[in-house]
Amino acid sequence: MGKKEMKYSEALKEVEDILQTLEAEELEVDDISEKIKRAVTLIEVCRSKLEKSEVEVKKIVDAFEKAK
């Protein structure tokens, strides 16, 4: 079975959790780079989803404008 695609809200929540942990200085030095790598990956997921949504919304608006 394939891996379920992460939702935008899930990715954003995980990024917020990582930031909170970093700000609270609750991480071991050895874990910081892994958390930052994970945050970058999650931010890329969020950015991709936003860009995809923007394209889809533009298509819908364009179709609506043409239907007038």
Protein backbone atom coordinates (compact mmCIF):
# COMPACT_ATOMS: atom_id res chain seq x y z
CA MET A 1 0.00 0.00 0.00
CA GLY A 2 1.29 3.51 -0.84
CA LYS A 3 2.19 6.13 1.70
CA LYS A 4 -0.62 8.59 2.47
CA GLU A 5 0.08 12.12 1.28
CA MET A 6 0.50 14.58 4.13
CA LYS A 7 -2.12 17.32 4.38
CA TYR A 8 -1.07 20.96 4.44
CA SER A 9 -2.43 21.41 7.96
CA GLU A 10 -0.48 18.39 9.22
CA ALA A 11 2.77 19.64 7.68
CA LEU A 12 2.24 23.15 9.04
CA LYS A 13 1.46 21.82 12.52
CA GLU A 14 4.64 19.74 12.53
CA VAL A 15 6.70 22.76 11.43
CA GLU A 16 5.15 24.80 14.24
CA ASP A 17 5.96 22.04 16.73
CA ILE A 18 9.58 21.92 15.54
CA LEU A 19 9.88 25.70 15.84
CA GLN A 20 8.43 25.64 19.33
CA THR A 21 10.91 22.94 20.35
CA LEU A 22 13.82 24.91 18.86
CA GLU A 23 12.72 28.14 20.54
CA ALA A 24 12.37 26.38 23.89
CA GLU A 25 15.86 24.95 23.45
CA GLU A 26 14.50 21.49 24.25
CA LEU A 27 16.63 19.64 21.69
CA GLU A 28 19.93 17.95 22.08
CA VAL A 29 22.62 19.44 19.85
CA ASP A 30 22.78 16.13 17.97
CA ASP A 31 19.08 16.35 17.05
CA ILE A 32 18.96 19.96 15.85
CA SER A 33 20.15 19.32 12.30
CA GLU A 34 17.67 16.47 11.83
CA LYS A 35 14.79 18.63 13.03
CA ILE A 36 15.84 21.47 10.73
CA LYS A 37 16.08 19.07 7.77
CA ARG A 38 12.59 17.79 8.59
CA ALA A 39 11.26 21.36 8.85
CA VAL A 40 12.74 22.22 5.42
CA THR A 41 11.08 19.14 3.91
CA LEU A 42 7.75 20.08 5.49
CA ILE A 43 8.03 23.68 4.27
CA GLU A 44 8.61 22.35 0.76
CA VAL A 45 5.45 20.24 1.10
CA CYS A 46 3.49 23.31 2.19
CA ARG A 47 4.91 25.47 -0.61
CA SER A 48 4.09 22.83 -3.21
CA LYS A 49 0.52 22.51 -1.97
CA LEU A 50 0.04 26.28 -1.98
CA GLU A 51 1.38 26.56 -5.52
CA LYS A 52 -0.86 23.71 -6.70
CA SER A 53 -3.89 25.32 -5.06
CA GLU A 54 -3.05 28.68 -6.64
CA VAL A 55 -2.97 27.08 -10.12
CA GLU A 56 -6.27 25.29 -9.51
CA VAL A 57 -7.99 28.44 -8.23
CA LYS A 58 -6.70 30.42 -11.22
CA LYS A 59 -8.15 27.79 -13.58
CA ILE A 60 -11.51 27.98 -11.80
CA VAL A 61 -11.57 31.79 -11.91
CA ASP A 62 -10.54 31.80 -15.58
CA ALA A 63 -13.30 29.32 -16.43
CA PHE A 64 -15.81 31.42 -14.50
CA GLU A 65 -14.72 34.59 -16.32
CA LYS A 66 -15.07 32.88 -19.70
CA ALA A 67 -18.56 31.63 -18.79
CA LYS A 68 -19.86 35.16 -18.20
